[in-house]
Amino acid sequence: MLFSVTGFSLFAIGDLFIKLLADEGYAAVEIAFFLNLCFLPFLLILSPVIGGIKATLRTEKLWLHVLRSLIGIVAFTINISAFHKLGLSLSYTLIFAAPFFGTILSFMFFKEKIHIHRWSAILMGFVGVLCVLRPGFVPLEPLAYAVLFSAFLIAAGYQIVRKIGEDEPLMAFSLFGTIVGLQVFGVMTFWDGQSNIPHGTDWLYFFAIAVFHIGGGLMTARAFSMAETAIVAPFHYVQLLWGTGFGIFIFSTVPDIWTGLGALIIVSSGIYLIYREHVRHQNITTGITAHGAIDQD
């Protein structure tokens, strides 16, 4: 639990620095490029303990890594823009719709059966999204719907990770994304010669984000390796608490009651969905041990 809370908190603090850089006038693609530039040396330093470069480059699933990287590029660009314009709290609330999309995509591409408990969690999750967006009652905010699309892309990325499998070195899931990101964001940043080059303390922000995000990744990976997903995953929502706190105490923005209600519904539904996944896997394991197979939710 401690590793999980710490890891997800580090992600939230890194996202705060991203918002601060965006508020200073850096474009989303500029932030993404210089972040990837800062990620690369840390990955190379850590490579011996996360799989090694040679083993990573021997992958037979390069096209899946590239596809996942391209999907991540779109999602990351949207999220950076959202942190800047919508704030961390609202952005996190909509991003946390990803598990609901993920379950539906698992049903579509991996033929996982979804029974009444998980369908109910998915339905309530999207009710929460409707509470936040209130279509037809408040002016359309295109970026908010873009964040919802980002949540879908994040869920799609998770399905690609499943397709890649567990045999790949851990470094592969970071290195290819960084390399592809450097190329794509580099072109988008420098093509017109009008890019902002970080200066002074801004470089410290970029390196701080790299440290926080890599630290968060290592902490959460350790947490998931030590305990069941049903115990670790709900602490992901601590980012929403951090985002709300940052908004109130740093940016003087308080979420309205509908955003708060929607966030509560999404978080509750997400935790219930995680719990049902835990129950399902327990039932499958018990059934295989006792009878050879079982299928229930």
Protein backbone atom coordinates (compact mmCIF):
# COMPACT_ATOMS: atom_id res chain seq x y z
CA MET A 1 0.00 0.00 0.00
CA LEU A 2 2.85 2.38 0.87
CA PHE A 3 4.62 1.74 -2.43
CA SER A 4 1.34 2.22 -4.30
CA VAL A 5 0.37 5.49 -2.61
CA THR A 6 3.89 6.85 -2.99
CA GLY A 7 4.14 5.85 -6.65
CA PHE A 8 0.84 7.34 -7.73
CA SER A 9 1.58 10.46 -5.68
CA LEU A 10 4.88 10.90 -7.53
CA PHE A 11 2.98 10.74 -10.84
CA ALA A 12 0.62 13.48 -9.61
CA ILE A 13 3.51 15.73 -8.53
CA GLY A 14 5.15 15.24 -11.93
CA ASP A 15 1.87 16.20 -13.60
CA LEU A 16 1.77 19.35 -11.48
CA PHE A 17 5.14 20.40 -12.94
CA ILE A 18 3.79 19.65 -16.43
CA LYS A 19 0.89 22.02 -15.79
CA LEU A 20 3.27 24.70 -14.48
CA LEU A 21 5.37 24.45 -17.65
CA ALA A 22 2.25 24.63 -19.81
CA ASP A 23 1.08 27.68 -17.87
CA GLU A 24 4.46 29.31 -18.64
CA GLY A 25 3.72 29.09 -22.36
CA TYR A 26 5.27 25.82 -23.48
CA ALA A 27 3.18 23.99 -26.08
CA ALA A 28 2.11 20.42 -25.35
CA VAL A 29 4.41 18.98 -28.03
CA GLU A 30 7.36 21.00 -26.70
CA ILE A 31 6.81 19.70 -23.18
CA ALA A 32 6.49 16.15 -24.50
CA PHE A 33 9.69 16.39 -26.57
CA PHE A 34 11.89 17.75 -23.79
CA LEU A 35 10.40 15.30 -21.31
CA ASN A 36 11.31 12.38 -23.54
CA LEU A 37 14.76 13.90 -23.94
CA CYS A 38 15.12 13.87 -20.14
CA PHE A 39 13.67 10.36 -19.81
CA LEU A 40 16.26 8.81 -22.14
CA PRO A 41 19.41 9.14 -19.98
CA PHE A 42 17.54 7.79 -16.94
CA LEU A 43 16.38 4.78 -18.96
CA LEU A 44 19.92 4.10 -20.13
CA ILE A 45 21.23 4.32 -16.57
CA LEU A 46 18.52 1.97 -15.30
CA SER A 47 18.72 -0.41 -18.27
CA PRO A 48 20.74 -3.13 -16.47
CA VAL A 49 17.98 -3.57 -13.87
CA ILE A 50 14.95 -3.28 -16.18
CA GLY A 51 15.90 -5.78 -18.86
CA GLY A 52 18.92 -4.42 -20.72
CA ILE A 53 19.23 -2.76 -24.11
CA LYS A 54 20.28 -5.85 -26.09
CA ALA A 55 17.35 -7.94 -24.88
CA THR A 56 14.99 -5.03 -25.58
CA LEU A 57 16.20 -4.55 -29.16
CA ARG A 58 15.81 -8.27 -29.91
CA THR A 59 12.04 -7.99 -29.63
CA GLU A 60 9.90 -9.72 -32.25
CA LYS A 61 6.95 -7.45 -31.52
CA LEU A 62 8.41 -4.13 -32.62
CA TRP A 63 5.32 -3.10 -34.58
CA LEU A 64 3.15 -3.52 -31.48
CA HIS A 65 5.54 -1.38 -29.45
CA VAL A 66 5.49 1.29 -32.16
CA LEU A 67 1.69 1.19 -32.39
CA ARG A 68 1.42 1.53 -28.61
CA SER A 69 3.90 4.41 -28.70
CA LEU A 70 1.92 6.28 -31.37
CA ILE A 71 -1.30 5.84 -29.38
CA GLY A 72 0.52 7.09 -26.29
CA ILE A 73 1.76 10.16 -28.17
CA VAL A 74 -1.79 11.24 -29.00
CA ALA A 75 -3.06 10.57 -25.47
CA PHE A 76 -0.10 12.33 -23.81
CA THR A 77 -0.50 15.42 -26.01
CA ILE A 78 -4.20 15.66 -25.16
CA ASN A 79 -3.53 15.20 -21.44
CA ILE A 80 -0.87 17.91 -21.31
CA SER A 81 -3.27 20.35 -22.96
CA ALA A 82 -5.98 19.30 -20.51
CA PHE A 83 -3.76 19.81 -17.45
CA HIS A 84 -3.18 23.35 -18.68
CA LYS A 85 -6.71 24.36 -19.65
CA LEU A 86 -9.00 22.12 -17.57
CA GLY A 87 -6.86 21.63 -14.48
CA LEU A 88 -5.62 18.42 -12.90
CA SER A 89 -8.80 17.50 -11.02
CA LEU A 90 -11.17 17.56 -13.99
CA SER A 91 -8.57 15.97 -16.27
CA TYR A 92 -7.96 13.08 -13.86
CA THR A 93 -11.67 12.53 -13.41
CA LEU A 94 -12.16 11.99 -17.15
CA ILE A 95 -8.92 10.03 -17.62
CA PHE A 96 -10.12 7.60 -14.95
CA ALA A 97 -12.80 6.45 -17.39
CA ALA A 98 -10.02 4.36 -18.99
CA PRO A 99 -10.74 1.16 -16.97
CA PHE A 100 -14.32 1.13 -18.23
CA PHE A 101 -13.16 1.42 -21.84
CA GLY A 102 -10.54 -1.22 -21.11
CA THR A 103 -13.11 -3.75 -19.95
CA ILE A 104 -15.21 -3.19 -23.07
CA LEU A 105 -12.15 -3.55 -25.32
CA SER A 106 -11.23 -6.79 -23.51
CA PHE A 107 -14.70 -8.06 -24.36
CA MET A 108 -14.30 -7.04 -28.02
CA PHE A 109 -10.74 -8.22 -28.71
CA PHE A 110 -10.04 -10.92 -26.13
CA LYS A 111 -13.57 -12.33 -25.93
CA GLU A 112 -13.69 -11.90 -22.16
CA LYS A 113 -17.17 -12.44 -20.81
CA ILE A 114 -18.63 -9.50 -18.94
CA HIS A 115 -21.50 -10.35 -16.65
CA ILE A 116 -23.93 -8.21 -14.75
CA HIS A 117 -21.58 -6.98 -11.99
CA ARG A 118 -18.99 -5.53 -14.35
CA TRP A 119 -21.57 -4.18 -16.82
CA SER A 120 -23.19 -2.37 -13.87
CA ALA A 121 -19.83 -0.85 -12.87
CA ILE A 122 -19.20 0.25 -16.47
CA LEU A 123 -22.67 1.79 -16.77
CA MET A 124 -22.30 3.69 -13.49
CA GLY A 125 -18.84 4.86 -14.54
CA PHE A 126 -20.25 6.46 -17.66
CA VAL A 127 -23.09 7.96 -15.60
CA GLY A 128 -20.32 9.65 -13.64
CA VAL A 129 -18.79 10.93 -16.87
CA LEU A 130 -22.16 12.38 -17.87
CA CYS A 131 -22.38 14.15 -14.49
CA VAL A 132 -19.03 15.78 -15.19
CA LEU A 133 -19.70 16.75 -18.82
CA ARG A 134 -23.45 17.47 -18.53
CA PRO A 135 -24.00 17.52 -22.31
CA GLY A 136 -26.88 19.80 -23.26
CA PHE A 137 -26.78 21.62 -19.91
CA VAL A 138 -23.41 23.37 -20.05
CA PRO A 139 -21.49 24.75 -23.06
CA LEU A 140 -19.60 22.13 -25.04
CA GLU A 141 -15.93 21.93 -23.99
CA PRO A 142 -14.16 20.15 -26.87
CA LEU A 143 -11.02 19.49 -24.82
CA ALA A 144 -13.03 17.63 -22.16
CA TYR A 145 -14.33 15.26 -24.82
CA ALA A 146 -10.80 14.97 -26.17
CA VAL A 147 -9.67 13.82 -22.71
CA LEU A 148 -12.39 11.18 -22.81
CA PHE A 149 -10.94 10.05 -26.14
CA SER A 150 -7.53 10.02 -24.46
CA ALA A 151 -8.94 7.67 -21.80
CA PHE A 152 -10.07 5.37 -24.62
CA LEU A 153 -6.58 5.48 -26.15
CA ILE A 154 -5.00 4.68 -22.78
CA ALA A 155 -7.30 1.67 -22.49
CA ALA A 156 -6.33 0.61 -26.03
CA GLY A 157 -2.68 0.88 -25.02
CA TYR A 158 -3.32 -1.50 -22.13
CA GLN A 159 -4.81 -4.03 -24.53
CA ILE A 160 -1.71 -3.80 -26.72
CA VAL A 161 0.44 -4.47 -23.64
CA ARG A 162 -1.62 -7.62 -23.05
CA LYS A 163 -1.09 -8.61 -26.66
CA ILE A 164 2.66 -8.08 -26.35
CA GLY A 165 2.72 -10.35 -23.30
CA GLU A 166 4.86 -10.67 -20.21
CA ASP A 167 7.99 -12.09 -21.88
CA GLU A 168 9.25 -8.71 -23.05
CA PRO A 169 11.87 -6.89 -20.91
CA LEU A 170 10.38 -4.11 -18.79
CA MET A 171 12.63 -1.63 -20.57
CA ALA A 172 10.92 -2.33 -23.89
CA PHE A 173 7.71 -0.68 -22.70
CA SER A 174 9.61 2.54 -21.97
CA LEU A 175 12.46 2.68 -24.46
CA PHE A 176 10.45 2.33 -27.67
CA GLY A 177 7.92 4.88 -26.48
CA THR A 178 10.72 7.33 -25.69
CA ILE A 179 12.46 6.84 -29.04
CA VAL A 180 9.26 7.15 -31.08
CA GLY A 181 8.18 10.13 -28.97
CA LEU A 182 11.49 11.93 -29.55
CA GLN A 183 11.12 11.57 -33.31
CA VAL A 184 7.45 12.55 -33.58
CA PHE A 185 7.50 15.34 -31.00
CA GLY A 186 10.86 16.54 -32.35
CA VAL A 187 9.42 17.10 -35.81
CA MET A 188 6.32 18.77 -34.37
CA THR A 189 8.45 21.00 -32.13
CA PHE A 190 11.13 22.22 -34.55
CA TRP A 191 9.52 22.11 -38.00
CA ASP A 192 8.69 25.84 -38.06
CA GLY A 193 11.74 27.13 -36.15
CA GLN A 194 9.49 28.81 -33.56
CA SER A 195 9.97 26.42 -30.64
CA ASN A 196 10.60 27.43 -27.03
CA ILE A 197 13.95 26.14 -25.77
CA PRO A 198 13.98 25.57 -22.01
CA HIS A 199 16.16 27.91 -20.04
CA GLY A 200 17.33 28.26 -16.45
CA THR A 201 15.08 26.61 -13.90
CA ASP A 202 12.77 25.21 -16.58
CA TRP A 203 15.34 22.46 -17.20
CA LEU A 204 15.05 21.59 -13.51
CA TYR A 205 11.29 21.22 -14.00
CA PHE A 206 11.79 18.83 -16.90
CA PHE A 207 14.31 16.71 -15.04
CA ALA A 208 12.12 16.77 -11.93
CA ILE A 209 9.17 15.45 -13.96
CA ALA A 210 11.39 12.68 -15.34
CA VAL A 211 12.51 11.74 -11.83
CA PHE A 212 8.97 11.80 -10.41
CA HIS A 213 7.46 9.79 -13.27
CA ILE A 214 10.23 7.20 -13.36
CA GLY A 215 10.11 6.96 -9.58
CA GLY A 216 6.35 6.56 -9.74
CA GLY A 217 6.69 3.84 -12.36
CA LEU A 218 9.22 1.89 -10.28
CA MET A 219 7.19 2.29 -7.08
CA THR A 220 3.91 1.15 -8.63
CA ALA A 221 5.60 -1.73 -10.44
CA ARG A 222 7.04 -2.84 -7.10
CA ALA A 223 3.62 -2.51 -5.48
CA PHE A 224 1.93 -4.66 -8.13
CA SER A 225 4.68 -7.27 -7.77
CA MET A 226 4.14 -7.48 -4.01
CA ALA A 227 0.35 -7.55 -3.73
CA GLU A 228 -2.78 -8.39 -5.68
CA THR A 229 -4.12 -5.88 -8.19
CA ALA A 230 -7.34 -5.52 -6.17
CA ILE A 231 -5.29 -4.18 -3.27
CA VAL A 232 -2.92 -1.91 -5.21
CA ALA A 233 -4.99 -0.52 -8.09
CA PRO A 234 -7.58 1.48 -6.08
CA PHE A 235 -4.78 3.70 -4.77
CA HIS A 236 -4.49 5.03 -8.33
CA TYR A 237 -7.31 7.37 -7.37
CA VAL A 238 -5.05 9.16 -4.90
CA GLN A 239 -4.02 11.20 -7.95
CA LEU A 240 -7.49 12.71 -8.00
CA LEU A 241 -7.05 13.85 -4.40
CA TRP A 242 -3.68 15.38 -5.24
CA GLY A 243 -5.12 17.05 -8.35
CA THR A 244 -7.99 18.54 -6.36
CA GLY A 245 -5.64 19.72 -3.63
CA PHE A 246 -3.27 21.32 -6.12
CA GLY A 247 -6.19 23.05 -7.79
CA ILE A 248 -7.51 24.49 -4.53
CA PHE A 249 -4.27 25.50 -2.81
CA ILE A 250 -2.04 26.40 -5.77
CA PHE A 251 -4.38 27.51 -8.56
CA SER A 252 -7.39 28.64 -6.46
CA THR A 253 -9.83 26.51 -8.46
CA VAL A 254 -12.50 24.51 -6.66
CA PRO A 255 -14.37 21.75 -8.57
CA ASP A 256 -18.10 22.37 -8.84
CA ILE A 257 -20.57 20.01 -7.20
CA TRP A 258 -21.31 18.14 -10.44
CA THR A 259 -17.64 17.43 -11.08
CA GLY A 260 -17.30 16.24 -7.48
CA LEU A 261 -20.36 13.98 -7.81
CA GLY A 262 -19.15 12.60 -11.13
CA ALA A 263 -15.69 11.94 -9.69
CA LEU A 264 -17.24 10.10 -6.72
CA ILE A 265 -19.32 7.89 -9.03
CA ILE A 266 -16.36 7.16 -11.35
CA VAL A 267 -14.00 6.32 -8.47
CA SER A 268 -16.58 4.12 -6.72
CA SER A 269 -17.42 2.31 -9.95
CA GLY A 270 -13.74 1.88 -10.77
CA ILE A 271 -12.96 0.36 -7.38
CA TYR A 272 -15.96 -1.97 -7.71
CA LEU A 273 -14.79 -2.98 -11.20
CA ILE A 274 -11.33 -3.79 -9.80
CA TYR A 275 -12.96 -5.80 -6.99
CA ARG A 276 -15.04 -7.81 -9.48
CA GLU A 277 -11.91 -8.52 -11.53
CA HIS A 278 -10.34 -9.84 -8.34
CA VAL A 279 -13.36 -12.04 -7.62
CA ARG A 280 -13.42 -13.32 -11.21
CA HIS A 281 -9.76 -14.33 -11.14
CA GLN A 282 -10.21 -16.02 -7.79
CA ASN A 283 -13.14 -18.00 -9.13
CA ILE A 284 -11.24 -18.99 -12.26
CA THR A 285 -8.23 -20.11 -10.22
CA THR A 286 -10.43 -22.10 -7.82
CA GLY A 287 -12.33 -23.67 -10.70
CA ILE A 288 -9.20 -24.73 -12.57
CA THR A 289 -7.78 -26.27 -9.40
CA ALA A 290 -10.97 -28.13 -8.50
CA HIS A 291 -12.58 -28.96 -11.83
CA GLY A 292 -10.25 -27.99 -14.63
CA ALA A 293 -12.34 -24.97 -15.72
CA ILE A 294 -14.98 -22.56 -14.53
CA ASP A 295 -16.56 -19.42 -15.93
CA GLN A 296 -18.36 -17.04 -13.65
CA ASP A 297 -18.20 -13.40 -12.69
